[in-house]
PDB file of N, CA and C in Angstrom:
ATOM      1  N   MET A   1      12.725 -11.295 -15.363  1.00  0.00           N
ATOM      2  CA  MET A   1      12.462 -10.164 -15.155  1.00  0.00           C
ATOM      3  C   MET A   1      10.830 -10.109 -15.043  1.00  0.00           C
ATOM      4  N   PRO A   2      10.146 -11.556 -15.631  1.00  0.00           N
ATOM      5  CA  PRO A   2       9.026 -11.443 -15.378  1.00  0.00           C
ATOM      6  C   PRO A   2       8.071 -11.905 -14.024  1.00  0.00           C
ATOM      7  N   ASP A   3       9.742 -12.418 -13.408  1.00  0.00           N
ATOM      8  CA  ASP A   3       9.449 -13.189 -12.080  1.00  0.00           C
ATOM      9  C   ASP A   3       8.850 -11.949 -11.393  1.00  0.00           C
ATOM     10  N   ARG A   4      10.189 -10.784 -11.143  1.00  0.00           N
ATOM     11  CA  ARG A   4       9.755  -9.704 -10.051  1.00  0.00           C
ATOM     12  C   ARG A   4       8.839  -8.769 -10.685  1.00  0.00           C
ATOM     13  N   LYS A   5       7.979  -8.835 -11.837  1.00  0.00           N
ATOM     14  CA  LYS A   5       7.119  -7.606 -12.168  1.00  0.00           C
ATOM     15  C   LYS A   5       6.042  -8.565 -11.624  1.00  0.00           C
ATOM     16  N   GLN A   6       5.668  -9.702 -11.365  1.00  0.00           N
ATOM     17  CA  GLN A   6       4.829 -10.875 -10.408  1.00  0.00           C
ATOM     18  C   GLN A   6       5.058 -10.276  -9.281  1.00  0.00           C
ATOM     19  N   GLU A   7       6.007 -10.697  -8.970  1.00  0.00           N
ATOM     20  CA  GLU A   7       6.546 -10.066  -7.574  1.00  0.00           C
ATOM     21  C   GLU A   7       6.059  -9.000  -6.791  1.00  0.00           C
ATOM     22  N   LEU A   8       5.964  -7.846  -7.558  1.00  0.00           N
ATOM     23  CA  LEU A   8       5.725  -6.535  -6.886  1.00  0.00           C
ATOM     24  C   LEU A   8       4.445  -6.277  -7.274  1.00  0.00           C
ATOM     25  N   GLU A   9       3.690  -6.818  -8.396  1.00  0.00           N
ATOM     26  CA  GLU A   9       2.530  -7.152  -8.413  1.00  0.00           C
ATOM     27  C   GLU A   9       1.738  -7.676  -7.474  1.00  0.00           C
ATOM     28  N   GLU A  10       1.928  -9.059  -7.051  1.00  0.00           N
ATOM     29  CA  GLU A  10       1.619  -9.677  -5.916  1.00  0.00           C
ATOM     30  C   GLU A  10       1.902  -8.611  -3.886  1.00  0.00           C
ATOM     31  N   LYS A  11       2.865  -7.884  -4.185  1.00  0.00           N
ATOM     32  CA  LYS A  11       3.374  -7.004  -2.857  1.00  0.00           C
ATOM     33  C   LYS A  11       2.395  -6.095  -3.023  1.00  0.00           C
ATOM     34  N   LEU A  12       1.778  -5.645  -3.806  1.00  0.00           N
ATOM     35  CA  LEU A  12       0.954  -3.985  -4.489  1.00  0.00           C
ATOM     36  C   LEU A  12      -0.524  -4.442  -4.024  1.00  0.00           C
ATOM     37  N   ALA A  13      -0.962  -6.169  -4.382  1.00  0.00           N
ATOM     38  CA  ALA A  13      -1.835  -5.955  -3.853  1.00  0.00           C
ATOM     39  C   ALA A  13      -1.931  -6.659  -2.041  1.00  0.00           C
ATOM     40  N   ARG A  14      -0.919  -7.200  -1.785  1.00  0.00           N
ATOM     41  CA  ARG A  14      -1.039  -7.404  -0.535  1.00  0.00           C
ATOM     42  C   ARG A  14      -1.442  -5.942   0.206  1.00  0.00           C
ATOM     43  N   ILE A  15      -0.728  -5.131  -0.265  1.00  0.00           N
ATOM     44  CA  ILE A  15      -0.347  -3.632   0.229  1.00  0.00           C
ATOM     45  C   ILE A  15      -2.067  -2.748   0.263  1.00  0.00           C
ATOM     46  N   GLU A  16      -2.441  -3.047  -0.964  1.00  0.00           N
ATOM     47  CA  GLU A  16      -3.549  -2.178  -1.079  1.00  0.00           C
ATOM     48  C   GLU A  16      -4.792  -3.179  -0.317  1.00  0.00           C
ATOM     49  N   SER A  17      -4.783  -4.213  -0.105  1.00  0.00           N
ATOM     50  CA  SER A  17      -5.828  -4.945   0.824  1.00  0.00           C
ATOM     51  C   SER A  17      -5.430  -4.311   1.673  1.00  0.00           C
ATOM     52  N   GLU A  18      -4.097  -4.076   2.604  1.00  0.00           N
ATOM     53  CA  GLU A  18      -3.866  -3.326   3.606  1.00  0.00           C
ATOM     54  C   GLU A  18      -4.830  -2.385   3.719  1.00  0.00           C
ATOM     55  N   ILE A  19      -4.320  -1.388   3.121  1.00  0.00           N
ATOM     56  CA  ILE A  19      -4.685   0.233   3.337  1.00  0.00           C
ATOM     57  C   ILE A  19      -6.581  -0.335   3.039  1.00  0.00           C
ATOM     58  N   LYS A  20      -7.311  -1.189   2.288  1.00  0.00           N
ATOM     59  CA  LYS A  20      -8.516  -1.395   2.399  1.00  0.00           C
ATOM     60  C   LYS A  20      -8.981  -1.287   3.824  1.00  0.00           C
ATOM     61  N   ASP A  21      -8.303  -2.877   4.651  1.00  0.00           N
ATOM     62  CA  ASP A  21      -8.353  -2.663   5.778  1.00  0.00           C
ATOM     63  C   ASP A  21      -8.604  -1.792   6.707  1.00  0.00           C
ATOM     64  N   LEU A  22      -7.376  -1.229   6.652  1.00  0.00           N
ATOM     65  CA  LEU A  22      -7.402   0.137   8.036  1.00  0.00           C
ATOM     66  C   LEU A  22      -7.995   0.911   7.553  1.00  0.00           C
ATOM     67  N   ASN A  23      -8.467   1.366   6.641  1.00  0.00           N
ATOM     68  CA  ASN A  23      -9.339   2.515   6.185  1.00  0.00           C
ATOM     69  C   ASN A  23     -10.512   1.873   6.566  1.00  0.00           C
ATOM     70  N   GLU A  24     -10.811   0.668   6.881  1.00  0.00           N
ATOM     71  CA  GLU A  24     -12.615   0.359   7.426  1.00  0.00           C
ATOM     72  C   GLU A  24     -12.369   0.304   8.748  1.00  0.00           C
ATOM     73  N   ARG A  25     -11.140  -0.098   9.199  1.00  0.00           N
ATOM     74  CA  ARG A  25     -11.000  -0.117  10.834  1.00  0.00           C
ATOM     75  C   ARG A  25     -10.645   1.261  11.320  1.00  0.00           C
ATOM     76  N   ILE A  26     -10.844   2.638  10.782  1.00  0.00           N
ATOM     77  CA  ILE A  26     -10.170   4.105  11.038  1.00  0.00           C
ATOM     78  C   ILE A  26     -11.938   4.454  11.723  1.00  0.00           C
ATOM     79  N   PRO A  27     -11.923   5.024  12.843  1.00  0.00           N
ATOM     80  CA  PRO A  27     -12.887   5.392  13.198  1.00  0.00           C
ATOM     81  C   PRO A  27     -13.150   6.743  12.537  1.00  0.00           C
ATOM     82  N   PRO A  28     -14.477   6.991  12.129  1.00  0.00           N
ATOM     83  CA  PRO A  28     -14.958   8.647  11.694  1.00  0.00           C
ATOM     84  C   PRO A  28     -14.327   9.865  12.735  1.00  0.00           C
ATOM     85  N   HIS A  29     -14.128   9.495  13.577  1.00  0.00           N
ATOM     86  CA  HIS A  29     -13.940  10.825  14.673  1.00  0.00           C
ATOM     87  C   HIS A  29     -12.950  10.265  15.406  1.00  0.00           C
ATOM     88  N   SER A  30     -12.006  11.474  15.865  1.00  0.00           N
ATOM     89  CA  SER A  30     -10.987  10.963  16.771  1.00  0.00           C
ATOM     90  C   SER A  30     -10.205   9.815  16.402  1.00  0.00           C
ATOM     91  N   VAL A  31      -9.341  10.097  15.088  1.00  0.00           N
ATOM     92  CA  VAL A  31      -8.645   9.160  14.680  1.00  0.00           C
ATOM     93  C   VAL A  31      -7.491   9.541  15.349  1.00  0.00           C
ATOM     94  N   LYS A  32      -6.783   8.320  15.814  1.00  0.00           N
ATOM     95  CA  LYS A  32      -5.575   8.700  16.207  1.00  0.00           C
ATOM     96  C   LYS A  32      -3.913   8.409  15.678  1.00  0.00           C
ATOM     97  N   PRO A  33      -3.032   8.813  15.811  1.00  0.00           N
ATOM     98  CA  PRO A  33      -2.185   9.329  14.982  1.00  0.00           C
ATOM     99  C   PRO A  33      -1.481   7.902  14.796  1.00  0.00           C
ATOM    100  N   VAL A  34      -1.769   7.100  15.341  1.00  0.00           N
ATOM    101  CA  VAL A  34      -1.096   5.945  14.442  1.00  0.00           C
ATOM    102  C   VAL A  34      -1.706   5.161  13.802  1.00  0.00           C
ATOM    103  N   PHE A  35      -2.955   5.205  13.445  1.00  0.00           N
ATOM    104  CA  PHE A  35      -3.534   5.098  12.277  1.00  0.00           C
ATOM    105  C   PHE A  35      -2.944   5.532  11.079  1.00  0.00           C
ATOM    106  N   ILE A  36      -2.691   7.108  11.175  1.00  0.00           N
ATOM    107  CA  ILE A  36      -2.630   8.199  10.019  1.00  0.00           C
ATOM    108  C   ILE A  36      -1.078   7.500   9.524  1.00  0.00           C
ATOM    109  N   GLN A  37      -0.491   6.893  10.741  1.00  0.00           N
ATOM    110  CA  GLN A  37       0.973   6.942  10.265  1.00  0.00           C
ATOM    111  C   GLN A  37       1.483   5.662   9.727  1.00  0.00           C
ATOM    112  N   LYS A  38       0.638   4.403   9.920  1.00  0.00           N
ATOM    113  CA  LYS A  38       0.572   3.179   9.530  1.00  0.00           C
ATOM    114  C   LYS A  38       0.035   3.635   7.744  1.00  0.00           C
ATOM    115  N   LEU A  39      -1.357   4.382   7.894  1.00  0.00           N
ATOM    116  CA  LEU A  39      -1.670   4.464   6.440  1.00  0.00           C
ATOM    117  C   LEU A  39      -0.621   5.318   5.218  1.00  0.00           C
ATOM    118  N   ASP A  40       0.567   6.603   6.218  1.00  0.00           N
ATOM    119  CA  ASP A  40       1.097   6.680   5.468  1.00  0.00           C
ATOM    120  C   ASP A  40       1.984   6.327   4.823  1.00  0.00           C
ATOM    121  N   GLU A  41       2.537   4.987   6.054  1.00  0.00           N
ATOM    122  CA  GLU A  41       3.553   4.350   5.482  1.00  0.00           C
ATOM    123  C   GLU A  41       3.192   3.175   4.304  1.00  0.00           C
ATOM    124  N   LEU A  42       2.107   2.738   4.504  1.00  0.00           N
ATOM    125  CA  LEU A  42       1.474   1.583   3.405  1.00  0.00           C
ATOM    126  C   LEU A  42       1.651   2.322   2.411  1.00  0.00           C
ATOM    127  N   GLU A  43       0.849   3.964   2.296  1.00  0.00           N
ATOM    128  CA  GLU A  43       0.782   4.349   0.834  1.00  0.00           C
ATOM    129  C   GLU A  43       1.969   4.848   0.297  1.00  0.00           C
ATOM    130  N   ALA A  44       2.836   5.130   1.084  1.00  0.00           N
ATOM    131  CA  ALA A  44       4.147   5.177   0.681  1.00  0.00           C
ATOM    132  C   ALA A  44       5.236   4.105  -0.188  1.00  0.00           C
ATOM    133  N   ARG A  45       4.325   3.012   0.262  1.00  0.00           N
ATOM    134  CA  ARG A  45       5.205   1.770  -0.077  1.00  0.00           C
ATOM    135  C   ARG A  45       4.357   1.526  -1.403  1.00  0.00           C
ATOM    136  N   ARG A  46       3.333   1.460  -1.506  1.00  0.00           N
ATOM    137  CA  ARG A  46       2.614   1.475  -2.670  1.00  0.00           C
ATOM    138  C   ARG A  46       3.280   1.981  -3.762  1.00  0.00           C
ATOM    139  N   ASP A  47       3.407   3.865  -3.451  1.00  0.00           N
ATOM    140  CA  ASP A  47       3.788   4.367  -4.690  1.00  0.00           C
ATOM    141  C   ASP A  47       5.283   3.860  -5.062  1.00  0.00           C
ATOM    142  N   GLU A  48       6.209   3.284  -4.190  1.00  0.00           N
ATOM    143  CA  GLU A  48       7.441   2.589  -4.937  1.00  0.00           C
ATOM    144  C   GLU A  48       7.154   1.779  -5.684  1.00  0.00           C
ATOM    145  N   ILE A  49       5.676   1.050  -5.161  1.00  0.00           N
ATOM    146  CA  ILE A  49       5.903  -0.313  -6.088  1.00  0.00           C
ATOM    147  C   ILE A  49       5.594  -0.303  -7.116  1.00  0.00           C
ATOM    148  N   LEU A  50       4.373   1.556  -7.535  1.00  0.00           N
ATOM    149  CA  LEU A  50       3.986   1.693  -8.413  1.00  0.00           C
ATOM    150  C   LEU A  50       4.922   2.112  -9.241  1.00  0.00           C
ATOM    151  N   GLU A  51       5.920   2.746  -8.777  1.00  0.00           N
ATOM    152  CA  GLU A  51       7.212   3.447  -9.756  1.00  0.00           C
ATOM    153  C   GLU A  51       8.051   2.144  -9.892  1.00  0.00           C
ATOM    154  N   SER A  52       7.953   1.412  -9.302  1.00  0.00           N
ATOM    155  CA  SER A  52       8.834   0.427  -9.946  1.00  0.00           C
ATOM    156  C   SER A  52       8.077  -0.598 -10.810  1.00  0.00           C
ATOM    157  N   LEU A  53       6.610  -0.742 -11.086  1.00  0.00           N
ATOM    158  CA  LEU A  53       5.802  -1.238 -11.941  1.00  0.00           C
ATOM    159  C   LEU A  53       5.953  -0.742 -13.145  1.00  0.00           C
ATOM    160  N   GLU A  54       6.041   0.906 -13.486  1.00  0.00           N
ATOM    161  CA  GLU A  54       6.461   1.424 -14.652  1.00  0.00           C
ATOM    162  C   GLU A  54       7.419   1.374 -15.198  1.00  0.00           C
ATOM    163  N   LYS A  55       8.106   0.890 -14.725  1.00  0.00           N
ATOM    164  CA  LYS A  55       9.241   0.719 -15.055  1.00  0.00           C
ATOM    165  C   LYS A  55       9.875  -0.721 -16.603  1.00  0.00           C
ATOM    166  N   PHE A  56       8.656  -1.426 -15.973  1.00  0.00           N
ATOM    167  CA  PHE A  56       8.221  -2.620 -16.912  1.00  0.00           C
ATOM    168  C   PHE A  56       7.464  -2.795 -18.022  1.00  0.00           C
ATOM    169  N   SER A  57       6.906  -1.353 -17.965  1.00  0.00           N
ATOM    170  CA  SER A  57       5.955  -1.058 -18.760  1.00  0.00           C
ATOM    171  C   SER A  57       6.328  -0.258 -20.537  1.00  0.00           C
TER     172      SER A  57
END
């Protein structure tokens, strides 16, 4: 089980980094739908990982 928890924590860190990078690239005006879609997908994956990590607590 510790390996699974560590794997989830590493995935979470990567996804949070991707979210941060994407937020920095999104222009303040005229945001393209592709940016919003990608951000939604990343946030959904992050939420799934967080739910899985809660099971280890």
